[in-house]
Amino acid sequence: YLPFARFRLEQSFDINRYNADDDRPFTDLLAELDIYPGQNVRIAADARWRPYDGEFYGYNLALALWNLRGDRFILDYRYTRAENDWPAIQSINTTAVWQAAQRWQLRGRYEHDLAANQLLETGIGVSYMSQCWGVDFDYQMDADNNSSFSIKLNLAGLGSIGG
């Protein structure tokens, strides 16, 4: 069984807001679409629409490729409308994961702000996975040149520890 497509439409109604005479009891309308045009290929899209102003709040479009070994490549576009004190976001994000060996994995991530033509965030990481435990080492840098390094210990059955 291989799925070809999945479509989801969601909106909530808050009865408490309605009973309190709030004129906005409905949440944003969320639509999601996943298409699998071939084995190991996924195209995903989602959008949020505001019913009270009739405008799209944001949308995303992504392409994911992977293989059975564990290698992955994801390219996605994100747009979020400016609101209140938050600026609009229009970015391209790429993520790559390479299963270098049976127990070793290398990762990279890069997000670029299209409107400001600048780096938003970049990062690299390496993981070692044993049968009952694993460890992740990650380095990240943001647009303000703030950088961080994290170590995460994964114990089978217990989740992860660290940060």
C-alpha atoms as a PDB file:
ATOM      1  CA  TYR A   1       0.000   0.000   0.000  1.00  0.00           C
ATOM      2  CA  LEU A   2       1.414   3.352  -1.059  1.00  0.00           C
ATOM      3  CA  PRO A   3      -0.622   6.504  -0.423  1.00  0.00           C
ATOM      4  CA  PHE A   4      -0.957   8.898  -3.333  1.00  0.00           C
ATOM      5  CA  ALA A   5      -2.486  11.911  -1.599  1.00  0.00           C
ATOM      6  CA  ARG A   6      -3.850  13.150   1.712  1.00  0.00           C
ATOM      7  CA  PHE A   7      -6.027  16.232   2.164  1.00  0.00           C
ATOM      8  CA  ARG A   8      -7.040  17.695   5.525  1.00  0.00           C
ATOM      9  CA  LEU A   9      -9.278  20.661   6.256  1.00  0.00           C
ATOM     10  CA  GLU A  10      -9.676  21.930   9.816  1.00  0.00           C
ATOM     11  CA  GLN A  11     -11.447  24.764  11.594  1.00  0.00           C
ATOM     12  CA  SER A  12     -12.547  25.058  15.220  1.00  0.00           C
ATOM     13  CA  PHE A  13     -15.453  26.843  16.827  1.00  0.00           C
ATOM     14  CA  ASP A  14     -15.035  28.108  20.398  1.00  0.00           C
ATOM     15  CA  ILE A  15     -18.417  27.837  22.137  1.00  0.00           C
ATOM     16  CA  ASN A  16     -17.134  29.845  25.128  1.00  0.00           C
ATOM     17  CA  ARG A  17     -16.240  32.791  22.883  1.00  0.00           C
ATOM     18  CA  TYR A  18     -19.609  32.514  21.170  1.00  0.00           C
ATOM     19  CA  ASN A  19     -21.461  32.481  24.507  1.00  0.00           C
ATOM     20  CA  ALA A  20     -19.435  35.512  25.639  1.00  0.00           C
ATOM     21  CA  ASP A  21     -20.636  37.403  22.535  1.00  0.00           C
ATOM     22  CA  ASP A  22     -17.131  37.397  21.042  1.00  0.00           C
ATOM     23  CA  ASP A  23     -17.533  38.246  17.364  1.00  0.00           C
ATOM     24  CA  ARG A  24     -14.709  35.842  16.372  1.00  0.00           C
ATOM     25  CA  PRO A  25     -15.543  32.328  17.630  1.00  0.00           C
ATOM     26  CA  PHE A  26     -13.960  30.574  14.603  1.00  0.00           C
ATOM     27  CA  THR A  27     -10.249  29.785  14.310  1.00  0.00           C
ATOM     28  CA  ASP A  28      -8.243  30.090  11.115  1.00  0.00           C
ATOM     29  CA  LEU A  29      -9.134  27.581   8.422  1.00  0.00           C
ATOM     30  CA  LEU A  30      -6.204  25.187   7.970  1.00  0.00           C
ATOM     31  CA  ALA A  31      -5.792  23.203   4.754  1.00  0.00           C
ATOM     32  CA  GLU A  32      -3.077  20.572   4.271  1.00  0.00           C
ATOM     33  CA  LEU A  33      -2.239  18.583   1.153  1.00  0.00           C
ATOM     34  CA  ASP A  34       0.365  15.826   0.834  1.00  0.00           C
ATOM     35  CA  ILE A  35       1.070  14.254  -2.555  1.00  0.00           C
ATOM     36  CA  TYR A  36       3.312  11.228  -3.088  1.00  0.00           C
ATOM     37  CA  PRO A  37       4.064  11.259  -6.847  1.00  0.00           C
ATOM     38  CA  GLY A  38       6.552   8.405  -6.523  1.00  0.00           C
ATOM     39  CA  GLN A  39       8.235   6.176  -4.012  1.00  0.00           C
ATOM     40  CA  ASN A  40      10.387   8.224  -1.583  1.00  0.00           C
ATOM     41  CA  VAL A  41       9.034  11.568  -2.843  1.00  0.00           C
ATOM     42  CA  ARG A  42       6.574  13.825  -1.023  1.00  0.00           C
ATOM     43  CA  ILE A  43       5.179  17.233  -1.925  1.00  0.00           C
ATOM     44  CA  ALA A  44       3.473  18.944   0.994  1.00  0.00           C
ATOM     45  CA  ALA A  45       1.523  22.190   1.150  1.00  0.00           C
ATOM     46  CA  ASP A  46      -0.468  23.912   3.845  1.00  0.00           C
ATOM     47  CA  ALA A  47      -2.229  27.236   4.203  1.00  0.00           C
ATOM     48  CA  ARG A  48      -3.996  29.206   6.936  1.00  0.00           C
ATOM     49  CA  TRP A  49      -6.871  31.461   5.958  1.00  0.00           C
ATOM     50  CA  ARG A  50      -8.415  34.043   8.289  1.00  0.00           C
ATOM     51  CA  PRO A  51     -12.210  33.996   7.960  1.00  0.00           C
ATOM     52  CA  TYR A  52     -12.679  37.450   9.479  1.00  0.00           C
ATOM     53  CA  ASP A  53     -10.490  39.409   7.084  1.00  0.00           C
ATOM     54  CA  GLY A  54     -10.656  37.003   4.137  1.00  0.00           C
ATOM     55  CA  GLU A  55      -6.850  36.870   3.850  1.00  0.00           C
ATOM     56  CA  PHE A  56      -4.280  34.107   3.902  1.00  0.00           C
ATOM     57  CA  TYR A  57      -2.175  34.313   7.060  1.00  0.00           C
ATOM     58  CA  GLY A  58       0.539  31.985   5.825  1.00  0.00           C
ATOM     59  CA  TYR A  59       1.399  29.050   3.630  1.00  0.00           C
ATOM     60  CA  ASN A  60       4.196  26.536   3.161  1.00  0.00           C
ATOM     61  CA  LEU A  61       5.301  24.355   0.267  1.00  0.00           C
ATOM     62  CA  ALA A  62       7.844  21.545   0.659  1.00  0.00           C
ATOM     63  CA  LEU A  63       9.554  18.839  -1.358  1.00  0.00           C
ATOM     64  CA  ALA A  64      11.039  15.857   0.495  1.00  0.00           C
ATOM     65  CA  LEU A  65      13.217  13.119  -0.989  1.00  0.00           C
ATOM     66  CA  TRP A  66      14.597  10.126   0.923  1.00  0.00           C
ATOM     67  CA  ASN A  67      15.916   6.625   0.515  1.00  0.00           C
ATOM     68  CA  LEU A  68      15.674   3.419   2.523  1.00  0.00           C
ATOM     69  CA  ARG A  69      19.180   3.899   3.932  1.00  0.00           C
ATOM     70  CA  GLY A  70      18.081   7.018   5.836  1.00  0.00           C
ATOM     71  CA  ASP A  71      19.389   9.827   3.602  1.00  0.00           C
ATOM     72  CA  ARG A  72      16.952  12.760   3.291  1.00  0.00           C
ATOM     73  CA  PHE A  73      16.737  16.088   1.498  1.00  0.00           C
ATOM     74  CA  ILE A  74      13.996  18.629   2.205  1.00  0.00           C
ATOM     75  CA  LEU A  75      13.446  21.955   0.468  1.00  0.00           C
ATOM     76  CA  ASP A  76      10.642  24.179   1.684  1.00  0.00           C
ATOM     77  CA  TYR A  77       9.273  27.657   1.116  1.00  0.00           C
ATOM     78  CA  ARG A  78       7.518  29.485   3.956  1.00  0.00           C
ATOM     79  CA  TYR A  79       5.423  32.645   3.937  1.00  0.00           C
ATOM     80  CA  THR A  80       3.789  34.225   6.985  1.00  0.00           C
ATOM     81  CA  ARG A  81       1.963  37.547   6.713  1.00  0.00           C
ATOM     82  CA  ALA A  82       3.104  40.502   8.851  1.00  0.00           C
ATOM     83  CA  GLU A  83       0.941  40.942  11.915  1.00  0.00           C
ATOM     84  CA  ASN A  84       1.026  43.338  14.876  1.00  0.00           C
ATOM     85  CA  ASP A  85       4.714  43.782  15.764  1.00  0.00           C
ATOM     86  CA  TRP A  86       5.874  40.705  13.802  1.00  0.00           C
ATOM     87  CA  PRO A  87       7.324  41.234  10.320  1.00  0.00           C
ATOM     88  CA  ALA A  88       6.359  39.092   7.344  1.00  0.00           C
ATOM     89  CA  ILE A  89       8.443  35.977   6.845  1.00  0.00           C
ATOM     90  CA  GLN A  90       9.341  34.724   3.404  1.00  0.00           C
ATOM     91  CA  SER A  91      12.055  32.110   3.505  1.00  0.00           C
ATOM     92  CA  ILE A  92      13.616  29.100   1.847  1.00  0.00           C
ATOM     93  CA  ASN A  93      14.789  26.295   4.106  1.00  0.00           C
ATOM     94  CA  THR A  94      16.947  23.315   3.135  1.00  0.00           C
ATOM     95  CA  THR A  95      17.728  20.311   5.279  1.00  0.00           C
ATOM     96  CA  ALA A  96      19.966  17.394   4.347  1.00  0.00           C
ATOM     97  CA  VAL A  97      20.678  14.207   6.276  1.00  0.00           C
ATOM     98  CA  TRP A  98      23.309  11.730   5.182  1.00  0.00           C
ATOM     99  CA  GLN A  99      23.522   8.287   6.756  1.00  0.00           C
ATOM    100  CA  ALA A 100      27.338   8.174   6.508  1.00  0.00           C
ATOM    101  CA  ALA A 101      27.612   4.690   8.007  1.00  0.00           C
ATOM    102  CA  GLN A 102      25.331   2.292   9.844  1.00  0.00           C
ATOM    103  CA  ARG A 103      25.719   4.133  13.164  1.00  0.00           C
ATOM    104  CA  TRP A 104      26.783   7.621  11.977  1.00  0.00           C
ATOM    105  CA  GLN A 105      24.602  10.382  10.591  1.00  0.00           C
ATOM    106  CA  LEU A 106      25.560  13.871   9.340  1.00  0.00           C
ATOM    107  CA  ARG A 107      23.050  16.731   9.133  1.00  0.00           C
ATOM    108  CA  GLY A 108      22.966  20.218   7.686  1.00  0.00           C
ATOM    109  CA  ARG A 109      20.354  22.969   7.650  1.00  0.00           C
ATOM    110  CA  TYR A 110      20.180  26.402   6.042  1.00  0.00           C
ATOM    111  CA  GLU A 111      17.329  28.939   6.140  1.00  0.00           C
ATOM    112  CA  HIS A 112      17.471  32.117   4.051  1.00  0.00           C
ATOM    113  CA  ASP A 113      15.181  35.176   4.369  1.00  0.00           C
ATOM    114  CA  LEU A 114      14.146  36.080   0.816  1.00  0.00           C
ATOM    115  CA  ALA A 115      12.746  39.529   1.671  1.00  0.00           C
ATOM    116  CA  ALA A 116      15.874  40.727   3.517  1.00  0.00           C
ATOM    117  CA  ASN A 117      18.246  38.549   1.460  1.00  0.00           C
ATOM    118  CA  GLN A 118      20.037  37.284   4.564  1.00  0.00           C
ATOM    119  CA  LEU A 119      20.753  34.166   6.544  1.00  0.00           C
ATOM    120  CA  LEU A 120      18.133  33.313   9.162  1.00  0.00           C
ATOM    121  CA  GLU A 121      19.735  30.188  10.584  1.00  0.00           C
ATOM    122  CA  THR A 122      22.279  27.566   9.660  1.00  0.00           C
ATOM    123  CA  GLY A 123      23.439  24.456  11.428  1.00  0.00           C
ATOM    124  CA  ILE A 124      25.355  21.217  11.204  1.00  0.00           C
ATOM    125  CA  GLY A 125      25.230  18.103  13.288  1.00  0.00           C
ATOM    126  CA  VAL A 126      26.531  14.598  13.713  1.00  0.00           C
ATOM    127  CA  SER A 127      24.926  11.637  15.467  1.00  0.00           C
ATOM    128  CA  TYR A 128      26.180   8.297  16.687  1.00  0.00           C
ATOM    129  CA  MET A 129      23.502   5.647  17.290  1.00  0.00           C
ATOM    130  CA  SER A 130      24.149   2.420  19.169  1.00  0.00           C
ATOM    131  CA  GLN A 131      21.622  -0.333  19.806  1.00  0.00           C
ATOM    132  CA  CYS A 132      20.414   1.105  23.129  1.00  0.00           C
ATOM    133  CA  TRP A 133      21.786   4.657  23.182  1.00  0.00           C
ATOM    134  CA  GLY A 134      22.886   7.506  20.937  1.00  0.00           C
ATOM    135  CA  VAL A 135      24.434  10.945  21.085  1.00  0.00           C
ATOM    136  CA  ASP A 136      23.834  14.063  18.942  1.00  0.00           C
ATOM    137  CA  PHE A 137      26.260  16.968  18.563  1.00  0.00           C
ATOM    138  CA  ASP A 138      24.774  20.087  16.944  1.00  0.00           C
ATOM    139  CA  TYR A 139      26.056  23.564  16.100  1.00  0.00           C
ATOM    140  CA  GLN A 140      23.731  26.425  15.061  1.00  0.00           C
ATOM    141  CA  MET A 141      24.197  30.059  14.073  1.00  0.00           C
ATOM    142  CA  ASP A 142      21.443  32.643  13.518  1.00  0.00           C
ATOM    143  CA  ALA A 143      21.172  35.931  11.594  1.00  0.00           C
ATOM    144  CA  ASP A 144      22.678  37.909  14.504  1.00  0.00           C
ATOM    145  CA  ASN A 145      25.758  35.640  14.566  1.00  0.00           C
ATOM    146  CA  ASN A 146      24.583  34.057  17.828  1.00  0.00           C
ATOM    147  CA  SER A 147      25.859  30.526  17.890  1.00  0.00           C
ATOM    148  CA  SER A 148      25.067  27.541  20.052  1.00  0.00           C
ATOM    149  CA  PHE A 149      26.396  24.056  20.522  1.00  0.00           C
ATOM    150  CA  SER A 150      24.334  21.244  21.996  1.00  0.00           C
ATOM    151  CA  ILE A 151      24.885  17.676  23.051  1.00  0.00           C
ATOM    152  CA  LYS A 152      21.938  15.335  23.402  1.00  0.00           C
ATOM    153  CA  LEU A 153      22.063  11.834  24.856  1.00  0.00           C
ATOM    154  CA  ASN A 154      19.359   9.449  23.611  1.00  0.00           C
ATOM    155  CA  LEU A 155      18.541   6.393  25.720  1.00  0.00           C
ATOM    156  CA  ALA A 156      16.356   3.728  24.092  1.00  0.00           C
ATOM    157  CA  GLY A 157      12.939   3.719  25.722  1.00  0.00           C
ATOM    158  CA  LEU A 158      13.647   6.888  27.717  1.00  0.00           C
ATOM    159  CA  GLY A 159      13.800   9.583  25.009  1.00  0.00           C
ATOM    160  CA  SER A 160      16.570  12.163  25.017  1.00  0.00           C
ATOM    161  CA  ILE A 161      18.521  14.003  27.694  1.00  0.00           C
ATOM    162  CA  GLY A 162      20.501  17.212  27.188  1.00  0.00           C
ATOM    163  CA  GLY A 163      20.271  20.491  25.369  1.00  0.00           C
END
